Structure formats: C-alpha cells, structure tokens
Amino acid sequence: MSHGGTPEEQAALDQRIREKLSEIRYPIMVMSGKGGVGKSTVAVNLAVALAERGNRVGIMDVDIHGPNVPKMLGIEGRLIEGGENRIEPVHLGPNLSVASLGLIGQDPDQAIVWRGPMKIALIRQFIGDVAWGPLDYLIIDTPPGTGDESLTVAQTIVNLAGAVVVTTPQDVSILDSRKSLNFAEKLKIHVLGIVENMSGFVCPCCGTITSIFSEGGGKHAADSLGIPFLGSIPLDPAVVTAGDKGNPLLSTKTTSPAHEALNKVVDLIVAGIAAREAEGGYERERKRLSPEFRPEQ
C-alpha cells in the first residue's frame, strides 16, 4: 500500500472510491468519544447479526493503532490479499467480509508511529481498493475520538447512512460522547442513535443486574439532544469471553440479557434506516457519489 501519490493517482483513487461506495447501500460508522467503552464489541456484533439475517455485510476496521476486529472475529494471523488497486478482504461465511488494518502484515507488538497525512492516505486507499462487491451494509469501526481517522472516514465515505455512538453510563463517557455527536452534526452525518454499553453487571450465578457504573446517562443524553436511544447493554462476562475467543455473542445461540439487548440494538438500527429510506432521507448522501462531487481533503 502506498501512502501518497501524484495528483493523477489521487484522481484515479477518487474515482475508485466512488465506484466502491456506489455498490454499498448503507455504510454505518461506529464511534465513541473515548476508549474502553466497547465500541468494537458493538460494531462486530452488529456486523455478525446483520450477516446472519441474510444481508451482505462488510466490516472495516480503520483503527491503525489498536485494531481489535481480527481478534474478536477469530481471524488473527490471516492476511488480506492485495494486488494493484485491489485488496481482497477476508471472507467469513457467505455474507460477511472483513478488512482491517490489523490484517496487513504489521507486527502486532510494534507501535505504529505515523503522522496524520500517512493515516489519511492509507485509509483513503483502503476505502478505494478493498474489493467488497455489492453490500447491503458496511460497518466501519473507527478509533475513539474525532481525530484524523474518523474525519477521513466521514469525508471520504460521503454516502454514510449514519453513525452509531457508543458510550457507558459514567458522566465522563457521556461528556465525551457529546463530542462525537457534535462531530457528526458539523459534518452533516445522520445519527442513528446512542448505545449505552456496560449498563449494569450481570451476575454469572444468579443473573441479577447490578448498576456499578451508574445508569441512564446514555438515554438522558439522547433525550436531551433529540436523537434515538438504541438501548442499554449490560456488562456480561459472556460478552468478554465470546470476544476473546473470536466468537461474537450474537453468533452464538446462547440467551442472556446482553444477547437480548444487542439484538434489540440491531433491530432499532435496521428500523431507523428503513424509516429514513422510506422518507427519502438518503437522497443527499447518494448524490455525493456523482463525479462532480469532491470530498474535502
């Protein structure tokens, strides 16, 4: 993968980006204001659930410094294959494809020390060259915060169907999530809703849910800002175990409060997209794929 190029090469990349995005019906950006809130867990389970419902789904992990998607899907050590202007994602079953910056052969024990321009160039090439084919959904797992990676995704994937913001109940996490919502507002990204993760601890013995990080902050933030609240997901040891084993919770047949809550989040996201589609709400985003449109650099 190159990290730059001539103006002609960049124009060709812009064209490839438009062509790739025109085949993706609903790109969804999963964000968080701070790390450690379970954003990647939500993104992976969303992708798995959508694929198991018969949709063609891709998940793209653009976290350069800490890509977790390969671990959570059990594909560590597998590499995406590349050729000239073509990157072949890793396929998991008939409906789910994965592309992660953790699958390009970088030593996972080595720190990546890159400035912004290198990150921007790599992510743009990733978006333009991954050979997804037609997709119903593309889930983009972004790093925490509103830095170069998230900004590049938002400015390059111009037909975003929306953003899902993941937070936890603590006041400090809610404060940071508001920054993500402000980011979406400034970039005119439709917000599909807020997910409050780690909302109470599920006792593995009796199933009782105990609020250890407070509760209700995500719903209060959503209500105060007039955006959908997608639900509260309890802190369940089964979620951690499933992710560590590379077998996301929603790919299992187990039943638990967290499993039920995650499924409801997926239901509400799908319903929200369908309702906005029915109202013609995605016309603006799709017009941005015209050759005349030039994303900000």
C-alpha atoms as a PDB file:
ATOM      1  CA  MET A   1       0.000   0.000   0.000  1.00  0.00           C
ATOM      2  CA  SER A   2       1.291   3.444  -0.879  1.00  0.00           C
ATOM      3  CA  HIS A   3       0.941   6.467   1.371  1.00  0.00           C
ATOM      4  CA  GLY A   4       0.631   9.213  -1.206  1.00  0.00           C
ATOM      5  CA  GLY A   5       0.683   9.742  -4.952  1.00  0.00           C
ATOM      6  CA  THR A   6       0.633  12.210  -7.801  1.00  0.00           C
ATOM      7  CA  PRO A   7      -2.458  14.319  -8.499  1.00  0.00           C
ATOM      8  CA  GLU A   8      -3.330  11.915 -11.303  1.00  0.00           C
ATOM      9  CA  GLU A   9      -3.042   8.931  -8.966  1.00  0.00           C
ATOM     10  CA  GLN A  10      -5.197  10.669  -6.379  1.00  0.00           C
ATOM     11  CA  ALA A  11      -7.841  11.475  -9.006  1.00  0.00           C
ATOM     12  CA  ALA A  12      -7.855   7.813 -10.031  1.00  0.00           C
ATOM     13  CA  LEU A  13      -8.230   6.836  -6.376  1.00  0.00           C
ATOM     14  CA  ASP A  14     -11.163   9.264  -6.006  1.00  0.00           C
ATOM     15  CA  GLN A  15     -12.825   7.507  -8.921  1.00  0.00           C
ATOM     16  CA  ARG A  16     -12.241   4.055  -7.408  1.00  0.00           C
ATOM     17  CA  ILE A  17     -13.662   5.293  -4.096  1.00  0.00           C
ATOM     18  CA  ARG A  18     -16.864   6.499  -5.802  1.00  0.00           C
ATOM     19  CA  GLU A  19     -17.194   3.200  -7.667  1.00  0.00           C
ATOM     20  CA  LYS A  20     -16.742   1.133  -4.489  1.00  0.00           C
ATOM     21  CA  LEU A  21     -19.147   3.274  -2.465  1.00  0.00           C
ATOM     22  CA  SER A  22     -21.816   3.141  -5.177  1.00  0.00           C
ATOM     23  CA  GLU A  23     -22.078  -0.607  -4.500  1.00  0.00           C
ATOM     24  CA  ILE A  24     -22.622  -0.159  -0.752  1.00  0.00           C
ATOM     25  CA  ARG A  25     -26.191   0.580   0.221  1.00  0.00           C
ATOM     26  CA  TYR A  26     -25.806   1.534   3.896  1.00  0.00           C
ATOM     27  CA  PRO A  27     -22.359   2.418   5.277  1.00  0.00           C
ATOM     28  CA  ILE A  28     -22.573   2.837   9.070  1.00  0.00           C
ATOM     29  CA  MET A  29     -19.867   4.489  11.171  1.00  0.00           C
ATOM     30  CA  VAL A  30     -19.500   3.224  14.755  1.00  0.00           C
ATOM     31  CA  MET A  31     -17.946   5.866  17.016  1.00  0.00           C
ATOM     32  CA  SER A  32     -17.100   6.603  20.620  1.00  0.00           C
ATOM     33  CA  GLY A  33     -15.853   9.698  22.379  1.00  0.00           C
ATOM     34  CA  LYS A  34     -13.329   7.754  24.438  1.00  0.00           C
ATOM     35  CA  GLY A  35     -11.691   4.340  24.516  1.00  0.00           C
ATOM     36  CA  GLY A  36     -12.714   1.372  26.594  1.00  0.00           C
ATOM     37  CA  VAL A  37     -16.475   1.663  26.103  1.00  0.00           C
ATOM     38  CA  GLY A  38     -16.923  -1.481  23.987  1.00  0.00           C
ATOM     39  CA  LYS A  39     -17.279   0.227  20.615  1.00  0.00           C
ATOM     40  CA  SER A  40     -15.606  -2.602  18.690  1.00  0.00           C
ATOM     41  CA  THR A  41     -17.767  -5.158  20.515  1.00  0.00           C
ATOM     42  CA  VAL A  42     -20.889  -3.332  19.344  1.00  0.00           C
ATOM     43  CA  ALA A  43     -19.533  -2.988  15.782  1.00  0.00           C
ATOM     44  CA  VAL A  44     -18.587  -6.670  15.464  1.00  0.00           C
ATOM     45  CA  ASN A  45     -21.879  -7.946  16.875  1.00  0.00           C
ATOM     46  CA  LEU A  46     -23.821  -5.572  14.627  1.00  0.00           C
ATOM     47  CA  ALA A  47     -21.986  -6.887  11.563  1.00  0.00           C
ATOM     48  CA  VAL A  48     -22.433 -10.535  12.569  1.00  0.00           C
ATOM     49  CA  ALA A  49     -26.143 -10.101  13.330  1.00  0.00           C
ATOM     50  CA  LEU A  50     -26.839  -8.326  10.040  1.00  0.00           C
ATOM     51  CA  ALA A  51     -24.989 -11.045   8.105  1.00  0.00           C
ATOM     52  CA  GLU A  52     -26.875 -13.821   9.894  1.00  0.00           C
ATOM     53  CA  ARG A  53     -30.133 -12.120   8.883  1.00  0.00           C
ATOM     54  CA  GLY A  54     -29.224 -12.696   5.241  1.00  0.00           C
ATOM     55  CA  ASN A  55     -27.638  -9.328   4.407  1.00  0.00           C
ATOM     56  CA  ARG A  56     -24.351  -8.912   2.544  1.00  0.00           C
ATOM     57  CA  VAL A  57     -22.142  -7.237   5.125  1.00  0.00           C
ATOM     58  CA  GLY A  58     -18.610  -5.902   5.322  1.00  0.00           C
ATOM     59  CA  ILE A  59     -16.824  -4.699   8.435  1.00  0.00           C
ATOM     60  CA  MET A  60     -13.908  -2.323   8.004  1.00  0.00           C
ATOM     61  CA  ASP A  61     -11.607  -1.689  10.945  1.00  0.00           C
ATOM     62  CA  VAL A  62      -9.674   1.564  10.451  1.00  0.00           C
ATOM     63  CA  ASP A  63      -8.097   1.741  13.906  1.00  0.00           C
ATOM     64  CA  ILE A  64      -4.426   1.988  12.954  1.00  0.00           C
ATOM     65  CA  HIS A  65      -3.009   1.928  16.476  1.00  0.00           C
ATOM     66  CA  GLY A  66      -5.243  -0.714  18.054  1.00  0.00           C
ATOM     67  CA  PRO A  67      -7.243  -2.824  15.574  1.00  0.00           C
ATOM     68  CA  ASN A  68      -9.374  -5.266  17.599  1.00  0.00           C
ATOM     69  CA  VAL A  69     -11.732  -6.661  14.974  1.00  0.00           C
ATOM     70  CA  PRO A  70      -9.433  -9.537  13.865  1.00  0.00           C
ATOM     71  CA  LYS A  71      -9.172 -10.784  17.464  1.00  0.00           C
ATOM     72  CA  MET A  72     -12.917 -10.520  18.049  1.00  0.00           C
ATOM     73  CA  LEU A  73     -13.705 -12.455  14.875  1.00  0.00           C
ATOM     74  CA  GLY A  74     -11.026 -15.104  15.404  1.00  0.00           C
ATOM     75  CA  ILE A  75      -9.031 -14.258  12.269  1.00  0.00           C
ATOM     76  CA  GLU A  76      -5.758 -13.107  13.794  1.00  0.00           C
ATOM     77  CA  GLY A  77      -2.874 -14.215  11.627  1.00  0.00           C
ATOM     78  CA  ARG A  78      -4.879 -14.199   8.413  1.00  0.00           C
ATOM     79  CA  LEU A  79      -3.830 -11.558   5.895  1.00  0.00           C
ATOM     80  CA  ILE A  80      -5.848  -9.651   3.353  1.00  0.00           C
ATOM     81  CA  GLU A  81      -4.519 -10.249  -0.146  1.00  0.00           C
ATOM     82  CA  GLY A  82      -3.540  -7.366  -2.362  1.00  0.00           C
ATOM     83  CA  GLY A  83      -2.685  -6.580  -5.940  1.00  0.00           C
ATOM     84  CA  GLU A  84      -2.556  -3.393  -7.971  1.00  0.00           C
ATOM     85  CA  ASN A  85      -5.500  -1.234  -6.867  1.00  0.00           C
ATOM     86  CA  ARG A  86      -7.203  -4.283  -5.343  1.00  0.00           C
ATOM     87  CA  ILE A  87      -7.376  -5.577  -1.769  1.00  0.00           C
ATOM     88  CA  GLU A  88      -9.258  -8.826  -1.162  1.00  0.00           C
ATOM     89  CA  PRO A  89     -10.970  -8.899   2.251  1.00  0.00           C
ATOM     90  CA  VAL A  90     -11.115 -11.957   4.485  1.00  0.00           C
ATOM     91  CA  HIS A  91     -14.407 -13.791   3.967  1.00  0.00           C
ATOM     92  CA  LEU A  92     -16.243 -15.338   6.914  1.00  0.00           C
ATOM     93  CA  GLY A  93     -19.097 -17.389   5.545  1.00  0.00           C
ATOM     94  CA  PRO A  94     -21.225 -16.388   2.564  1.00  0.00           C
ATOM     95  CA  ASN A  95     -22.379 -12.993   3.866  1.00  0.00           C
ATOM     96  CA  LEU A  96     -19.586 -11.431   5.949  1.00  0.00           C
ATOM     97  CA  SER A  97     -16.299  -9.927   4.743  1.00  0.00           C
ATOM     98  CA  VAL A  98     -13.620  -8.290   6.879  1.00  0.00           C
ATOM     99  CA  ALA A  99     -10.913  -5.745   6.156  1.00  0.00           C
ATOM    100  CA  SER A 100      -8.734  -4.469   8.971  1.00  0.00           C
ATOM    101  CA  LEU A 101      -5.507  -2.573   9.196  1.00  0.00           C
ATOM    102  CA  GLY A 102      -4.571  -5.345  11.619  1.00  0.00           C
ATOM    103  CA  LEU A 103      -4.550  -7.804   8.703  1.00  0.00           C
ATOM    104  CA  ILE A 104      -1.928  -6.144   6.502  1.00  0.00           C
ATOM    105  CA  GLY A 105       1.067  -7.957   7.983  1.00  0.00           C
ATOM    106  CA  GLN A 106       2.122  -5.365  10.550  1.00  0.00           C
ATOM    107  CA  ASP A 107       3.812  -6.849  13.638  1.00  0.00           C
ATOM    108  CA  PRO A 108       1.096  -6.531  16.322  1.00  0.00           C
ATOM    109  CA  ASP A 109       3.713  -5.951  19.021  1.00  0.00           C
ATOM    110  CA  GLN A 110       5.208  -2.935  17.266  1.00  0.00           C
ATOM    111  CA  ALA A 111       3.856   0.568  17.779  1.00  0.00           C
ATOM    112  CA  ILE A 112       2.813   2.420  14.622  1.00  0.00           C
ATOM    113  CA  VAL A 113       4.225   5.937  14.817  1.00  0.00           C
ATOM    114  CA  TRP A 114       2.585   7.855  12.000  1.00  0.00           C
ATOM    115  CA  ARG A 115       1.607  11.446  11.461  1.00  0.00           C
ATOM    116  CA  GLY A 116      -1.788  12.440  10.120  1.00  0.00           C
ATOM    117  CA  PRO A 117      -1.004  12.532   6.364  1.00  0.00           C
ATOM    118  CA  MET A 118       0.146   8.901   6.357  1.00  0.00           C
ATOM    119  CA  LYS A 119      -3.008   7.813   8.187  1.00  0.00           C
ATOM    120  CA  ILE A 120      -5.225   9.755   5.802  1.00  0.00           C
ATOM    121  CA  ALA A 121      -3.525   8.333   2.701  1.00  0.00           C
ATOM    122  CA  LEU A 122      -3.690   4.749   3.953  1.00  0.00           C
ATOM    123  CA  ILE A 123      -7.358   4.921   4.975  1.00  0.00           C
ATOM    124  CA  ARG A 124      -8.351   6.503   1.652  1.00  0.00           C
ATOM    125  CA  GLN A 125      -6.541   3.756  -0.223  1.00  0.00           C
ATOM    126  CA  PHE A 126      -8.184   1.159   1.991  1.00  0.00           C
ATOM    127  CA  ILE A 127     -11.632   2.581   1.204  1.00  0.00           C
ATOM    128  CA  GLY A 128     -10.911   2.775  -2.521  1.00  0.00           C
ATOM    129  CA  ASP A 129      -9.247  -0.582  -3.067  1.00  0.00           C
ATOM    130  CA  VAL A 130     -10.988  -3.176  -0.874  1.00  0.00           C
ATOM    131  CA  ALA A 131     -12.969  -5.409  -3.244  1.00  0.00           C
ATOM    132  CA  TRP A 132     -16.185  -5.833  -1.256  1.00  0.00           C
ATOM    133  CA  GLY A 133     -18.518  -6.279  -4.164  1.00  0.00           C
ATOM    134  CA  PRO A 134     -22.154  -5.239  -3.623  1.00  0.00           C
ATOM    135  CA  LEU A 135     -23.001  -4.842   0.083  1.00  0.00           C
ATOM    136  CA  ASP A 136     -26.194  -4.132   1.980  1.00  0.00           C
ATOM    137  CA  TYR A 137     -24.241  -2.808   4.974  1.00  0.00           C
ATOM    138  CA  LEU A 138     -20.670  -1.719   5.615  1.00  0.00           C
ATOM    139  CA  ILE A 139     -19.847  -1.323   9.323  1.00  0.00           C
ATOM    140  CA  ILE A 140     -16.878   0.982   9.886  1.00  0.00           C
ATOM    141  CA  ASP A 141     -15.186   0.581  13.268  1.00  0.00           C
ATOM    142  CA  THR A 142     -13.315   3.824  13.947  1.00  0.00           C
ATOM    143  CA  PRO A 143     -10.829   4.583  16.728  1.00  0.00           C
ATOM    144  CA  PRO A 144     -12.030   6.583  19.747  1.00  0.00           C
ATOM    145  CA  GLY A 145     -12.368  10.333  19.443  1.00  0.00           C
ATOM    146  CA  THR A 146     -12.711  12.667  16.498  1.00  0.00           C
ATOM    147  CA  GLY A 147      -9.191  12.641  15.072  1.00  0.00           C
ATOM    148  CA  ASP A 148      -7.681  12.025  11.646  1.00  0.00           C
ATOM    149  CA  GLU A 149      -9.081   8.522  11.170  1.00  0.00           C
ATOM    150  CA  SER A 150     -12.704   9.390  11.928  1.00  0.00           C
ATOM    151  CA  LEU A 151     -12.502  12.627   9.955  1.00  0.00           C
ATOM    152  CA  THR A 152     -11.030  10.821   6.936  1.00  0.00           C
ATOM    153  CA  VAL A 153     -13.800   8.208   7.034  1.00  0.00           C
ATOM    154  CA  ALA A 154     -16.502  10.869   7.325  1.00  0.00           C
ATOM    155  CA  GLN A 155     -15.112  12.972   4.478  1.00  0.00           C
ATOM    156  CA  THR A 156     -14.362  10.028   2.174  1.00  0.00           C
ATOM    157  CA  ILE A 157     -17.404   7.794   2.692  1.00  0.00           C
ATOM    158  CA  VAL A 158     -19.721  10.551   1.573  1.00  0.00           C
ATOM    159  CA  ASN A 159     -22.803   8.324   1.408  1.00  0.00           C
ATOM    160  CA  LEU A 160     -22.773   7.353   5.098  1.00  0.00           C
ATOM    161  CA  ALA A 161     -26.165   6.044   6.173  1.00  0.00           C
ATOM    162  CA  GLY A 162     -25.436   7.232   9.668  1.00  0.00           C
ATOM    163  CA  ALA A 163     -23.380   6.994  12.819  1.00  0.00           C
ATOM    164  CA  VAL A 164     -23.878   4.909  15.945  1.00  0.00           C
ATOM    165  CA  VAL A 165     -22.314   6.418  19.070  1.00  0.00           C
ATOM    166  CA  VAL A 166     -21.311   4.048  21.872  1.00  0.00           C
ATOM    167  CA  THR A 167     -20.947   5.283  25.437  1.00  0.00           C
ATOM    168  CA  THR A 168     -21.021   3.987  29.009  1.00  0.00           C
ATOM    169  CA  PRO A 169     -23.163   5.346  31.847  1.00  0.00           C
ATOM    170  CA  GLN A 170     -20.455   7.406  33.591  1.00  0.00           C
ATOM    171  CA  ASP A 171     -20.637  11.178  33.316  1.00  0.00           C
ATOM    172  CA  VAL A 172     -17.143  11.419  31.785  1.00  0.00           C
ATOM    173  CA  SER A 173     -18.073   8.995  28.990  1.00  0.00           C
ATOM    174  CA  ILE A 174     -21.348  10.817  28.309  1.00  0.00           C
ATOM    175  CA  LEU A 175     -19.407  14.096  28.106  1.00  0.00           C
ATOM    176  CA  ASP A 176     -17.051  12.598  25.525  1.00  0.00           C
ATOM    177  CA  SER A 177     -19.915  11.062  23.560  1.00  0.00           C
ATOM    178  CA  ARG A 178     -21.427  14.524  23.171  1.00  0.00           C
ATOM    179  CA  LYS A 179     -18.246  15.490  21.319  1.00  0.00           C
ATOM    180  CA  SER A 180     -18.844  12.633  18.883  1.00  0.00           C
ATOM    181  CA  LEU A 181     -22.395  13.860  18.365  1.00  0.00           C
ATOM    182  CA  ASN A 182     -21.116  17.379  17.779  1.00  0.00           C
ATOM    183  CA  PHE A 183     -18.625  15.959  15.267  1.00  0.00           C
ATOM    184  CA  ALA A 184     -21.479  14.251  13.398  1.00  0.00           C
ATOM    185  CA  GLU A 185     -23.541  17.445  13.405  1.00  0.00           C
ATOM    186  CA  LYS A 186     -20.698  19.540  11.969  1.00  0.00           C
ATOM    187  CA  LEU A 187     -20.075  17.012   9.194  1.00  0.00           C
ATOM    188  CA  LYS A 188     -23.819  16.595   8.496  1.00  0.00           C
ATOM    189  CA  ILE A 189     -23.785  12.885   9.384  1.00  0.00           C
ATOM    190  CA  HIS A 190     -27.150  11.428  10.334  1.00  0.00           C
ATOM    191  CA  VAL A 191     -27.000   9.964  13.868  1.00  0.00           C
ATOM    192  CA  LEU A 192     -28.786   6.623  14.082  1.00  0.00           C
ATOM    193  CA  GLY A 193     -28.598   6.727  17.860  1.00  0.00           C
ATOM    194  CA  ILE A 194     -26.696   6.201  21.104  1.00  0.00           C
ATOM    195  CA  VAL A 195     -25.896   2.825  22.651  1.00  0.00           C
ATOM    196  CA  GLU A 196     -25.211   2.736  26.389  1.00  0.00           C
ATOM    197  CA  ASN A 197     -22.815  -0.163  26.959  1.00  0.00           C
ATOM    198  CA  MET A 198     -21.780  -1.727  30.301  1.00  0.00           C
ATOM    199  CA  SER A 199     -25.049  -0.616  31.813  1.00  0.00           C
ATOM    200  CA  GLY A 200     -25.071  -2.804  34.909  1.00  0.00           C
ATOM    201  CA  PHE A 201     -23.226  -6.030  35.695  1.00  0.00           C
ATOM    202  CA  VAL A 202     -24.908  -9.371  35.041  1.00  0.00           C
ATOM    203  CA  CYS A 203     -24.095 -11.831  37.831  1.00  0.00           C
ATOM    204  CA  PRO A 204     -22.986 -15.098  36.167  1.00  0.00           C
ATOM    205  CA  CYS A 205     -24.514 -17.099  39.039  1.00  0.00           C
ATOM    206  CA  CYS A 206     -27.986 -15.653  39.518  1.00  0.00           C
ATOM    207  CA  GLY A 207     -28.417 -13.316  36.534  1.00  0.00           C
ATOM    208  CA  THR A 208     -29.122 -10.273  38.704  1.00  0.00           C
ATOM    209  CA  ILE A 209     -28.133  -6.967  37.069  1.00  0.00           C
ATOM    210  CA  THR A 210     -26.356  -4.517  39.374  1.00  0.00           C
ATOM    211  CA  SER A 211     -25.604  -0.932  38.328  1.00  0.00           C
ATOM    212  CA  ILE A 212     -21.916  -0.398  39.073  1.00  0.00           C
ATOM    213  CA  PHE A 213     -21.210   2.462  36.640  1.00  0.00           C
ATOM    214  CA  SER A 214     -24.403   4.444  37.291  1.00  0.00           C
ATOM    215  CA  GLU A 215     -27.206   4.130  34.738  1.00  0.00           C
ATOM    216  CA  GLY A 216     -29.409   6.083  32.378  1.00  0.00           C
ATOM    217  CA  GLY A 217     -26.778   8.565  31.204  1.00  0.00           C
ATOM    218  CA  GLY A 218     -26.962   7.465  27.576  1.00  0.00           C
ATOM    219  CA  LYS A 219     -30.737   7.765  27.454  1.00  0.00           C
ATOM    220  CA  HIS A 220     -30.618  11.157  29.122  1.00  0.00           C
ATOM    221  CA  ALA A 221     -28.065  12.390  26.585  1.00  0.00           C
ATOM    222  CA  ALA A 222     -30.132  11.036  23.686  1.00  0.00           C
ATOM    223  CA  ASP A 223     -33.335  12.590  25.016  1.00  0.00           C
ATOM    224  CA  SER A 224     -31.708  15.960  25.648  1.00  0.00           C
ATOM    225  CA  LEU A 225     -30.246  16.051  22.129  1.00  0.00           C
ATOM    226  CA  GLY A 226     -33.333  14.698  20.393  1.00  0.00           C
ATOM    227  CA  ILE A 227     -31.709  11.612  18.891  1.00  0.00           C
ATOM    228  CA  PRO A 228     -32.747   7.952  19.194  1.00  0.00           C
ATOM    229  CA  PHE A 229     -31.681   5.886  22.166  1.00  0.00           C
ATOM    230  CA  LEU A 230     -30.826   2.414  20.910  1.00  0.00           C
ATOM    231  CA  GLY A 231     -30.688   0.674  24.258  1.00  0.00           C
ATOM    232  CA  SER A 232     -28.600  -0.328  27.261  1.00  0.00           C
ATOM    233  CA  ILE A 233     -26.306  -3.351  27.107  1.00  0.00           C
ATOM    234  CA  PRO A 234     -25.379  -4.861  30.474  1.00  0.00           C
ATOM    235  CA  LEU A 235     -21.808  -5.823  31.319  1.00  0.00           C
ATOM    236  CA  ASP A 236     -21.996  -9.570  30.852  1.00  0.00           C
ATOM    237  CA  PRO A 237     -18.956 -11.882  31.282  1.00  0.00           C
ATOM    238  CA  ALA A 238     -20.264 -13.872  28.306  1.00  0.00           C
ATOM    239  CA  VAL A 239     -19.628 -10.885  26.013  1.00  0.00           C
ATOM    240  CA  VAL A 240     -15.975 -10.694  27.091  1.00  0.00           C
ATOM    241  CA  THR A 241     -15.463 -14.438  26.787  1.00  0.00           C
ATOM    242  CA  ALA A 242     -17.068 -14.541  23.338  1.00  0.00           C
ATOM    243  CA  GLY A 243     -14.929 -11.668  22.066  1.00  0.00           C
ATOM    244  CA  ASP A 244     -11.700 -13.143  23.433  1.00  0.00           C
ATOM    245  CA  LYS A 245     -12.473 -16.458  21.753  1.00  0.00           C
ATOM    246  CA  GLY A 246     -13.210 -14.805  18.410  1.00  0.00           C
ATOM    247  CA  ASN A 247     -16.837 -15.877  18.550  1.00  0.00           C
ATOM    248  CA  PRO A 248     -19.065 -12.762  18.948  1.00  0.00           C
ATOM    249  CA  LEU A 249     -22.031 -13.154  21.271  1.00  0.00           C
ATOM    250  CA  LEU A 250     -24.645 -12.694  18.541  1.00  0.00           C
ATOM    251  CA  SER A 251     -23.098 -15.534  16.533  1.00  0.00           C
ATOM    252  CA  THR A 252     -23.935 -17.916  19.384  1.00  0.00           C
ATOM    253  CA  LYS A 253     -27.274 -19.459  20.304  1.00  0.00           C
ATOM    254  CA  THR A 254     -26.976 -18.615  23.988  1.00  0.00           C
ATOM    255  CA  THR A 255     -29.569 -16.457  25.697  1.00  0.00           C
ATOM    256  CA  SER A 256     -28.640 -13.732  28.146  1.00  0.00           C
ATOM    257  CA  PRO A 257     -29.633 -10.145  28.958  1.00  0.00           C
ATOM    258  CA  ALA A 258     -26.696  -8.873  26.883  1.00  0.00           C
ATOM    259  CA  HIS A 259     -27.623 -11.086  23.914  1.00  0.00           C
ATOM    260  CA  GLU A 260     -31.203  -9.802  24.029  1.00  0.00           C
ATOM    261  CA  ALA A 261     -30.079  -6.177  24.408  1.00  0.00           C
ATOM    262  CA  LEU A 262     -27.640  -6.387  21.478  1.00  0.00           C
ATOM    263  CA  ASN A 263     -30.327  -7.879  19.256  1.00  0.00           C
ATOM    264  CA  LYS A 264     -32.674  -5.023  20.142  1.00  0.00           C
ATOM    265  CA  VAL A 265     -29.951  -2.514  19.216  1.00  0.00           C
ATOM    266  CA  VAL A 266     -29.622  -4.188  15.811  1.00  0.00           C
ATOM    267  CA  ASP A 267     -33.414  -4.162  15.353  1.00  0.00           C
ATOM    268  CA  LEU A 268     -33.621  -0.430  16.090  1.00  0.00           C
ATOM    269  CA  ILE A 269     -30.733   0.431  13.750  1.00  0.00           C
ATOM    270  CA  VAL A 270     -32.330  -1.529  10.903  1.00  0.00           C
ATOM    271  CA  ALA A 271     -35.726   0.040  11.601  1.00  0.00           C
ATOM    272  CA  GLY A 272     -34.238   3.536  11.769  1.00  0.00           C
ATOM    273  CA  ILE A 273     -32.501   3.127   8.416  1.00  0.00           C
ATOM    274  CA  ALA A 274     -35.637   1.682   6.812  1.00  0.00           C
ATOM    275  CA  ALA A 275     -37.766   4.565   8.085  1.00  0.00           C
ATOM    276  CA  ARG A 276     -35.327   7.189   6.818  1.00  0.00           C
ATOM    277  CA  GLU A 277     -35.045   5.406   3.462  1.00  0.00           C
ATOM    278  CA  ALA A 278     -38.833   5.379   3.122  1.00  0.00           C
ATOM    279  CA  GLU A 279     -38.880   9.138   3.705  1.00  0.00           C
ATOM    280  CA  GLY A 280     -36.240   9.721   1.014  1.00  0.00           C
ATOM    281  CA  GLY A 281     -33.690  10.726   3.622  1.00  0.00           C
ATOM    282  CA  TYR A 282     -30.678   9.291   1.813  1.00  0.00           C
ATOM    283  CA  GLU A 283     -31.024  11.185  -1.455  1.00  0.00           C
ATOM    284  CA  ARG A 284     -28.486  13.833  -0.410  1.00  0.00           C
ATOM    285  CA  GLU A 285     -25.847  11.267   0.552  1.00  0.00           C
ATOM    286  CA  ARG A 286     -26.183   9.340  -2.688  1.00  0.00           C
ATOM    287  CA  LYS A 287     -25.948  12.481  -4.802  1.00  0.00           C
ATOM    288  CA  ARG A 288     -22.499  12.977  -3.293  1.00  0.00           C
ATOM    289  CA  LEU A 289     -21.266   9.991  -5.297  1.00  0.00           C
ATOM    290  CA  SER A 290     -21.572  11.940  -8.558  1.00  0.00           C
ATOM    291  CA  PRO A 291     -18.302  12.639 -10.427  1.00  0.00           C
ATOM    292  CA  GLU A 292     -18.782  16.368  -9.792  1.00  0.00           C
ATOM    293  CA  PHE A 293     -18.570  15.925  -6.031  1.00  0.00           C
ATOM    294  CA  ARG A 294     -15.115  16.290  -4.483  1.00  0.00           C
ATOM    295  CA  PRO A 295     -14.673  15.323  -0.806  1.00  0.00           C
ATOM    296  CA  GLU A 296     -12.618  17.589   1.403  1.00  0.00           C
ATOM    297  CA  GLN A 297      -9.020  16.502   1.851  1.00  0.00           C
END
